Amino acid sequence: MKKALGRLGAITVIAGSLLGFAAGTASAGNPEYIRSYQRQADCERAADEIRSGADLAAYCTWDQGHTEWDLWVLSL
């Protein structure tokens, strides 16, 4: 029983690592849309918070069609 649980734990750790690696590499080249803001200052404040908490690049772009600021995140 103990041996079977050990194997299951090892398989879970390996599978989780592979999925995490795949998710990280999939988003490394593609920015991910987070949300929109009406004011640039609000968007920049949110981007600063994201940048300070992780290895992520966060930036805002002006969406002319919707007249709002879009927040994007890119993993480094």
C-alpha atoms as a PDB file:
ATOM      1  CA  MET A   1       0.000   0.000   0.000  1.00  0.00           C
ATOM      2  CA  LYS A   2       2.740   2.424   0.991  1.00  0.00           C
ATOM      3  CA  LYS A   3       4.723   1.569  -2.143  1.00  0.00           C
ATOM      4  CA  ALA A   4       1.670   2.136  -4.373  1.00  0.00           C
ATOM      5  CA  LEU A   5       1.023   5.552  -2.799  1.00  0.00           C
ATOM      6  CA  GLY A   6       4.669   6.478  -3.324  1.00  0.00           C
ATOM      7  CA  ARG A   7       4.437   5.607  -7.016  1.00  0.00           C
ATOM      8  CA  LEU A   8       1.195   7.521  -7.383  1.00  0.00           C
ATOM      9  CA  GLY A   9       2.797  10.547  -5.733  1.00  0.00           C
ATOM     10  CA  ALA A  10       5.806  10.371  -8.041  1.00  0.00           C
ATOM     11  CA  ILE A  11       3.594  10.115 -11.122  1.00  0.00           C
ATOM     12  CA  THR A  12       1.524  13.073  -9.939  1.00  0.00           C
ATOM     13  CA  VAL A  13       4.637  15.211  -9.411  1.00  0.00           C
ATOM     14  CA  ILE A  14       6.047  14.317 -12.831  1.00  0.00           C
ATOM     15  CA  ALA A  15       2.756  14.944 -14.628  1.00  0.00           C
ATOM     16  CA  GLY A  16       2.302  18.266 -12.820  1.00  0.00           C
ATOM     17  CA  SER A  17       5.811  19.348 -13.746  1.00  0.00           C
ATOM     18  CA  LEU A  18       5.280  18.506 -17.397  1.00  0.00           C
ATOM     19  CA  LEU A  19       1.954  20.330 -17.518  1.00  0.00           C
ATOM     20  CA  GLY A  20       3.447  23.351 -15.800  1.00  0.00           C
ATOM     21  CA  PHE A  21       6.360  23.407 -18.238  1.00  0.00           C
ATOM     22  CA  ALA A  22       4.009  23.121 -21.204  1.00  0.00           C
ATOM     23  CA  ALA A  23       1.820  25.943 -19.932  1.00  0.00           C
ATOM     24  CA  GLY A  24       4.835  28.135 -19.296  1.00  0.00           C
ATOM     25  CA  THR A  25       6.326  27.613 -22.725  1.00  0.00           C
ATOM     26  CA  ALA A  26       2.981  28.043 -24.453  1.00  0.00           C
ATOM     27  CA  SER A  27       2.497  31.510 -22.975  1.00  0.00           C
ATOM     28  CA  ALA A  28       6.148  32.589 -23.217  1.00  0.00           C
ATOM     29  CA  GLY A  29       5.711  33.907 -26.749  1.00  0.00           C
ATOM     30  CA  ASN A  30       2.062  34.906 -26.629  1.00  0.00           C
ATOM     31  CA  PRO A  31       0.757  37.743 -24.494  1.00  0.00           C
ATOM     32  CA  GLU A  32      -2.364  36.919 -22.513  1.00  0.00           C
ATOM     33  CA  TYR A  33      -5.198  39.429 -22.248  1.00  0.00           C
ATOM     34  CA  ILE A  34      -6.162  40.107 -18.634  1.00  0.00           C
ATOM     35  CA  ARG A  35      -8.824  42.836 -18.661  1.00  0.00           C
ATOM     36  CA  SER A  36      -9.718  46.339 -19.849  1.00  0.00           C
ATOM     37  CA  TYR A  37      -9.647  49.677 -18.060  1.00  0.00           C
ATOM     38  CA  GLN A  38     -11.274  52.991 -18.885  1.00  0.00           C
ATOM     39  CA  ARG A  39      -8.288  55.000 -17.620  1.00  0.00           C
ATOM     40  CA  GLN A  40      -4.643  54.507 -18.540  1.00  0.00           C
ATOM     41  CA  ALA A  41      -3.525  55.223 -14.966  1.00  0.00           C
ATOM     42  CA  ASP A  42      -5.630  52.332 -13.646  1.00  0.00           C
ATOM     43  CA  CYS A  43      -4.220  49.973 -16.264  1.00  0.00           C
ATOM     44  CA  GLU A  44      -0.626  51.016 -15.550  1.00  0.00           C
ATOM     45  CA  ARG A  45      -1.178  50.585 -11.803  1.00  0.00           C
ATOM     46  CA  ALA A  46      -2.428  47.024 -12.353  1.00  0.00           C
ATOM     47  CA  ALA A  47       0.530  46.303 -14.661  1.00  0.00           C
ATOM     48  CA  ASP A  48       2.957  47.555 -11.997  1.00  0.00           C
ATOM     49  CA  GLU A  49       1.375  45.243  -9.410  1.00  0.00           C
ATOM     50  CA  ILE A  50       1.711  42.232 -11.721  1.00  0.00           C
ATOM     51  CA  ARG A  51       5.333  43.038 -12.600  1.00  0.00           C
ATOM     52  CA  SER A  52       6.311  43.390  -8.940  1.00  0.00           C
ATOM     53  CA  GLY A  53       4.873  40.012  -7.925  1.00  0.00           C
ATOM     54  CA  ALA A  54       6.310  37.590 -10.479  1.00  0.00           C
ATOM     55  CA  ASP A  55       8.579  36.999 -13.448  1.00  0.00           C
ATOM     56  CA  LEU A  56       6.047  38.533 -15.792  1.00  0.00           C
ATOM     57  CA  ALA A  57       6.025  41.410 -18.209  1.00  0.00           C
ATOM     58  CA  ALA A  58       2.797  43.392 -18.043  1.00  0.00           C
ATOM     59  CA  TYR A  59       1.861  46.252 -20.320  1.00  0.00           C
ATOM     60  CA  CYS A  60      -1.123  48.281 -21.470  1.00  0.00           C
ATOM     61  CA  THR A  61      -2.260  48.998 -25.012  1.00  0.00           C
ATOM     62  CA  TRP A  62      -4.904  51.385 -26.296  1.00  0.00           C
ATOM     63  CA  ASP A  63      -7.855  49.587 -27.904  1.00  0.00           C
ATOM     64  CA  GLN A  64      -9.157  52.156 -30.388  1.00  0.00           C
ATOM     65  CA  GLY A  65     -12.239  50.108 -31.295  1.00  0.00           C
ATOM     66  CA  HIS A  66     -13.493  49.831 -27.720  1.00  0.00           C
ATOM     67  CA  THR A  67     -11.933  53.104 -26.464  1.00  0.00           C
ATOM     68  CA  GLU A  68     -10.310  51.437 -23.454  1.00  0.00           C
ATOM     69  CA  TRP A  69      -6.924  50.313 -22.190  1.00  0.00           C
ATOM     70  CA  ASP A  70      -6.173  46.572 -22.371  1.00  0.00           C
ATOM     71  CA  LEU A  71      -3.838  44.919 -19.880  1.00  0.00           C
ATOM     72  CA  TRP A  72      -1.597  42.163 -21.282  1.00  0.00           C
ATOM     73  CA  VAL A  73       0.787  39.784 -19.501  1.00  0.00           C
ATOM     74  CA  LEU A  74       3.716  37.906 -20.958  1.00  0.00           C
ATOM     75  CA  SER A  75       5.689  35.328 -18.975  1.00  0.00           C
ATOM     76  CA  LEU A  76       9.454  35.741 -19.051  1.00  0.00           C
END
